[in-house]
Amino acid sequence: MRAAGRGLKCCMIQFMKSRNDRYGEHLSAEKLGIEVHTMGDGFTWDTKNPEQDIKTSRDTWALCVNKLRSGKYDMLVFDELVYVLSYKWLPVDEVLAEIKEARTTQPALHIVVTGRDAPQELLNAADLVTEMTEIKHPFNAGIRAQQGIEF
């Protein structure tokens, strides 16, 4: 949001959120001119079809590579990519090689990767790492996900 507000050309690609749903961040992004691609099949923490999740991850990563190589953006956000790497649905080395190449050819490009429990190789390659730690969440008290907060 901050980058778009300063006139940077931004794109966010979401790996896990369902491509069939619209979330609050989509509405905000549209207002700021942020390009968003939601590519997932829905949250798949307890997947019933790992082959489909791997295929979806591979297809989503192909779009990421296309955007990385395009030279059209100032910032790319790969939302939930860390989960895909943690679940080993994509090889970390392949992802890091593409990111390294993009950073070599486009030194001003900012790449943001989100998710918990990033593989060490990704942490080592990053310029900035932020860890958010859940202390308390309404879901644990039986409160369902709330519009405008979780989606």
C-alpha atoms as a PDB file:
ATOM      1  CA  MET A   1       0.000   0.000   0.000  1.00  0.00           C
ATOM      2  CA  ARG A   2       2.808   2.384   0.924  1.00  0.00           C
ATOM      3  CA  ALA A   3       4.727   1.762  -2.316  1.00  0.00           C
ATOM      4  CA  ALA A   4       1.627   2.290  -4.483  1.00  0.00           C
ATOM      5  CA  GLY A   5       0.841   5.456  -2.569  1.00  0.00           C
ATOM      6  CA  ARG A   6       4.275   6.750  -3.616  1.00  0.00           C
ATOM      7  CA  GLY A   7       3.631   5.931  -7.257  1.00  0.00           C
ATOM      8  CA  LEU A   8       5.544   2.663  -7.513  1.00  0.00           C
ATOM      9  CA  LYS A   9       4.170   0.046  -9.918  1.00  0.00           C
ATOM     10  CA  CYS A  10       3.131  -2.891  -7.716  1.00  0.00           C
ATOM     11  CA  CYS A  11       1.842  -6.401  -8.260  1.00  0.00           C
ATOM     12  CA  MET A  12       0.784  -8.997  -5.661  1.00  0.00           C
ATOM     13  CA  ILE A  13       0.418 -12.672  -6.468  1.00  0.00           C
ATOM     14  CA  GLN A  14      -1.341 -14.826  -3.877  1.00  0.00           C
ATOM     15  CA  PHE A  15      -0.485 -18.520  -3.811  1.00  0.00           C
ATOM     16  CA  MET A  16      -3.106 -20.018  -1.504  1.00  0.00           C
ATOM     17  CA  LYS A  17      -6.187 -17.807  -1.285  1.00  0.00           C
ATOM     18  CA  SER A  18      -8.968 -18.996  -3.544  1.00  0.00           C
ATOM     19  CA  ARG A  19      -9.046 -17.520  -7.016  1.00  0.00           C
ATOM     20  CA  ASN A  20     -12.842 -17.643  -6.746  1.00  0.00           C
ATOM     21  CA  ASP A  21     -13.096 -15.231  -3.813  1.00  0.00           C
ATOM     22  CA  ARG A  22     -12.539 -11.503  -3.379  1.00  0.00           C
ATOM     23  CA  TYR A  23     -10.914 -10.336  -0.183  1.00  0.00           C
ATOM     24  CA  GLY A  24     -10.713  -6.936   1.466  1.00  0.00           C
ATOM     25  CA  GLU A  25      -7.158  -6.426   0.249  1.00  0.00           C
ATOM     26  CA  HIS A  26      -8.397  -6.717  -3.346  1.00  0.00           C
ATOM     27  CA  LEU A  27     -10.783  -3.815  -2.854  1.00  0.00           C
ATOM     28  CA  SER A  28      -8.053  -1.639  -1.351  1.00  0.00           C
ATOM     29  CA  ALA A  29      -5.506  -2.632  -3.979  1.00  0.00           C
ATOM     30  CA  GLU A  30      -7.870  -1.736  -6.816  1.00  0.00           C
ATOM     31  CA  LYS A  31      -8.271   1.777  -5.420  1.00  0.00           C
ATOM     32  CA  LEU A  32      -4.489   2.231  -5.413  1.00  0.00           C
ATOM     33  CA  GLY A  33      -3.865   0.655  -8.811  1.00  0.00           C
ATOM     34  CA  ILE A  34      -2.102  -2.419  -7.427  1.00  0.00           C
ATOM     35  CA  GLU A  35      -2.317  -5.409  -9.748  1.00  0.00           C
ATOM     36  CA  VAL A  36      -3.456  -8.532  -7.840  1.00  0.00           C
ATOM     37  CA  HIS A  37      -3.550 -12.139  -8.996  1.00  0.00           C
ATOM     38  CA  THR A  38      -5.213 -14.622  -6.637  1.00  0.00           C
ATOM     39  CA  MET A  39      -4.257 -18.044  -7.929  1.00  0.00           C
ATOM     40  CA  GLY A  40      -4.922 -20.578  -5.180  1.00  0.00           C
ATOM     41  CA  ASP A  41      -7.484 -23.255  -4.534  1.00  0.00           C
ATOM     42  CA  GLY A  42      -8.204 -21.978  -1.027  1.00  0.00           C
ATOM     43  CA  PHE A  43      -6.339 -22.541   2.204  1.00  0.00           C
ATOM     44  CA  THR A  44      -4.759 -25.963   2.110  1.00  0.00           C
ATOM     45  CA  TRP A  45      -3.200 -26.450   5.535  1.00  0.00           C
ATOM     46  CA  ASP A  46      -4.640 -29.969   5.683  1.00  0.00           C
ATOM     47  CA  THR A  47      -4.591 -30.754   1.990  1.00  0.00           C
ATOM     48  CA  LYS A  48      -6.550 -33.647   0.607  1.00  0.00           C
ATOM     49  CA  ASN A  49      -4.952 -33.356  -2.824  1.00  0.00           C
ATOM     50  CA  PRO A  50      -1.212 -32.594  -2.686  1.00  0.00           C
ATOM     51  CA  GLU A  51      -0.796 -33.229  -6.424  1.00  0.00           C
ATOM     52  CA  GLN A  52      -3.283 -30.445  -7.174  1.00  0.00           C
ATOM     53  CA  ASP A  53      -1.587 -28.124  -4.675  1.00  0.00           C
ATOM     54  CA  ILE A  54       1.786 -28.751  -6.315  1.00  0.00           C
ATOM     55  CA  LYS A  55       0.300 -28.042  -9.754  1.00  0.00           C
ATOM     56  CA  THR A  56      -1.353 -24.848  -8.518  1.00  0.00           C
ATOM     57  CA  SER A  57       1.935 -23.787  -6.901  1.00  0.00           C
ATOM     58  CA  ARG A  58       3.846 -24.491 -10.096  1.00  0.00           C
ATOM     59  CA  ASP A  59       1.312 -22.515 -12.202  1.00  0.00           C
ATOM     60  CA  THR A  60       1.404 -19.605  -9.747  1.00  0.00           C
ATOM     61  CA  TRP A  61       5.193 -19.608  -9.686  1.00  0.00           C
ATOM     62  CA  ALA A  62       5.194 -19.473 -13.511  1.00  0.00           C
ATOM     63  CA  LEU A  63       3.209 -16.224 -13.279  1.00  0.00           C
ATOM     64  CA  CYS A  64       5.676 -14.917 -10.678  1.00  0.00           C
ATOM     65  CA  VAL A  65       8.600 -15.684 -12.992  1.00  0.00           C
ATOM     66  CA  ASN A  66       6.820 -13.893 -15.831  1.00  0.00           C
ATOM     67  CA  LYS A  67       6.375 -10.801 -13.660  1.00  0.00           C
ATOM     68  CA  LEU A  68       9.964 -11.009 -12.351  1.00  0.00           C
ATOM     69  CA  ARG A  69      11.361 -11.101 -15.877  1.00  0.00           C
ATOM     70  CA  SER A  70       9.041  -8.441 -17.312  1.00  0.00           C
ATOM     71  CA  GLY A  71      10.883  -5.421 -15.926  1.00  0.00           C
ATOM     72  CA  LYS A  72       7.526  -3.645 -15.515  1.00  0.00           C
ATOM     73  CA  TYR A  73       7.341  -3.439 -11.722  1.00  0.00           C
ATOM     74  CA  ASP A  74       8.944  -1.624  -8.825  1.00  0.00           C
ATOM     75  CA  MET A  75       7.567  -4.067  -6.248  1.00  0.00           C
ATOM     76  CA  LEU A  76       6.385  -7.655  -6.451  1.00  0.00           C
ATOM     77  CA  VAL A  77       4.673  -9.318  -3.492  1.00  0.00           C
ATOM     78  CA  PHE A  78       4.548 -13.113  -3.502  1.00  0.00           C
ATOM     79  CA  ASP A  79       1.954 -13.667  -0.811  1.00  0.00           C
ATOM     80  CA  GLU A  80       2.071 -17.073   0.924  1.00  0.00           C
ATOM     81  CA  LEU A  81       5.075 -18.278  -1.098  1.00  0.00           C
ATOM     82  CA  VAL A  82       6.861 -19.248   2.120  1.00  0.00           C
ATOM     83  CA  TYR A  83       4.170 -21.862   2.852  1.00  0.00           C
ATOM     84  CA  VAL A  84       4.598 -23.334  -0.610  1.00  0.00           C
ATOM     85  CA  LEU A  85       8.339 -23.609   0.009  1.00  0.00           C
ATOM     86  CA  SER A  86       7.881 -25.006   3.519  1.00  0.00           C
ATOM     87  CA  TYR A  87       5.535 -27.695   2.186  1.00  0.00           C
ATOM     88  CA  LYS A  88       8.136 -28.443  -0.522  1.00  0.00           C
ATOM     89  CA  TRP A  89       5.646 -27.795  -3.332  1.00  0.00           C
ATOM     90  CA  LEU A  90       8.374 -25.756  -5.064  1.00  0.00           C
ATOM     91  CA  PRO A  91      12.144 -26.139  -4.759  1.00  0.00           C
ATOM     92  CA  VAL A  92      13.755 -23.327  -2.748  1.00  0.00           C
ATOM     93  CA  ASP A  93      16.826 -23.305  -5.023  1.00  0.00           C
ATOM     94  CA  GLU A  94      14.705 -22.680  -8.110  1.00  0.00           C
ATOM     95  CA  VAL A  95      12.877 -19.785  -6.458  1.00  0.00           C
ATOM     96  CA  LEU A  96      16.088 -18.234  -5.142  1.00  0.00           C
ATOM     97  CA  ALA A  97      17.760 -18.498  -8.552  1.00  0.00           C
ATOM     98  CA  GLU A  98      14.940 -16.556 -10.218  1.00  0.00           C
ATOM     99  CA  ILE A  99      14.890 -13.927  -7.489  1.00  0.00           C
ATOM    100  CA  LYS A 100      18.681 -13.546  -7.641  1.00  0.00           C
ATOM    101  CA  GLU A 101      18.564 -13.111 -11.421  1.00  0.00           C
ATOM    102  CA  ALA A 102      15.811 -10.489 -11.152  1.00  0.00           C
ATOM    103  CA  ARG A 103      17.737  -8.567  -8.502  1.00  0.00           C
ATOM    104  CA  THR A 104      20.853  -8.647 -10.700  1.00  0.00           C
ATOM    105  CA  THR A 105      19.105  -7.293 -13.792  1.00  0.00           C
ATOM    106  CA  GLN A 106      16.732  -4.950 -11.891  1.00  0.00           C
ATOM    107  CA  PRO A 107      18.556  -3.711  -8.788  1.00  0.00           C
ATOM    108  CA  ALA A 108      15.735  -1.300  -7.843  1.00  0.00           C
ATOM    109  CA  LEU A 109      13.106  -4.079  -7.822  1.00  0.00           C
ATOM    110  CA  HIS A 110      11.662  -4.827  -4.390  1.00  0.00           C
ATOM    111  CA  ILE A 111      10.521  -8.407  -3.815  1.00  0.00           C
ATOM    112  CA  VAL A 112       8.373  -9.252  -0.789  1.00  0.00           C
ATOM    113  CA  VAL A 113       7.691 -12.858   0.205  1.00  0.00           C
ATOM    114  CA  THR A 114       5.185 -13.643   2.961  1.00  0.00           C
ATOM    115  CA  GLY A 115       4.402 -16.611   5.183  1.00  0.00           C
ATOM    116  CA  ARG A 116       5.590 -18.310   8.352  1.00  0.00           C
ATOM    117  CA  ASP A 117       8.569 -20.589   8.926  1.00  0.00           C
ATOM    118  CA  ALA A 118      10.686 -19.537   5.954  1.00  0.00           C
ATOM    119  CA  PRO A 119      13.413 -21.965   4.931  1.00  0.00           C
ATOM    120  CA  GLN A 120      16.851 -20.874   6.110  1.00  0.00           C
ATOM    121  CA  GLU A 121      18.104 -20.417   2.542  1.00  0.00           C
ATOM    122  CA  LEU A 122      15.391 -17.822   1.944  1.00  0.00           C
ATOM    123  CA  LEU A 123      16.185 -16.040   5.196  1.00  0.00           C
ATOM    124  CA  ASN A 124      19.874 -15.922   4.287  1.00  0.00           C
ATOM    125  CA  ALA A 125      19.103 -14.381   0.878  1.00  0.00           C
ATOM    126  CA  ALA A 126      16.750 -11.699   2.229  1.00  0.00           C
ATOM    127  CA  ASP A 127      17.674  -8.095   2.901  1.00  0.00           C
ATOM    128  CA  LEU A 128      14.946  -7.684   5.526  1.00  0.00           C
ATOM    129  CA  VAL A 129      13.159 -10.320   7.590  1.00  0.00           C
ATOM    130  CA  THR A 130      10.232  -9.545   9.860  1.00  0.00           C
ATOM    131  CA  GLU A 131       8.697 -12.117  12.161  1.00  0.00           C
ATOM    132  CA  MET A 132       5.150 -11.678  13.390  1.00  0.00           C
ATOM    133  CA  THR A 133       4.289 -13.864  16.357  1.00  0.00           C
ATOM    134  CA  GLU A 134       0.715 -14.644  17.309  1.00  0.00           C
ATOM    135  CA  ILE A 135       0.144 -14.005  20.979  1.00  0.00           C
ATOM    136  CA  LYS A 136      -3.623 -14.340  21.007  1.00  0.00           C
ATOM    137  CA  HIS A 137      -6.228 -14.862  18.272  1.00  0.00           C
ATOM    138  CA  PRO A 138     -10.052 -14.740  18.472  1.00  0.00           C
ATOM    139  CA  PHE A 139     -10.270 -17.996  16.499  1.00  0.00           C
ATOM    140  CA  ASN A 140      -8.857 -19.849  19.526  1.00  0.00           C
ATOM    141  CA  ALA A 141     -11.814 -18.551  21.566  1.00  0.00           C
ATOM    142  CA  GLY A 142     -14.294 -19.887  19.006  1.00  0.00           C
ATOM    143  CA  ILE A 143     -14.777 -16.621  17.106  1.00  0.00           C
ATOM    144  CA  ARG A 144     -14.961 -17.254  13.373  1.00  0.00           C
ATOM    145  CA  ALA A 145     -12.955 -15.278  10.810  1.00  0.00           C
ATOM    146  CA  GLN A 146     -14.270 -11.741  10.558  1.00  0.00           C
ATOM    147  CA  GLN A 147     -14.767  -9.700   7.387  1.00  0.00           C
ATOM    148  CA  GLY A 148     -12.301  -6.825   7.291  1.00  0.00           C
ATOM    149  CA  ILE A 149      -9.955  -8.549   9.758  1.00  0.00           C
ATOM    150  CA  GLU A 150      -9.063 -11.981   8.368  1.00  0.00           C
ATOM    151  CA  PHE A 151     -10.507 -11.577   4.870  1.00  0.00           C
END
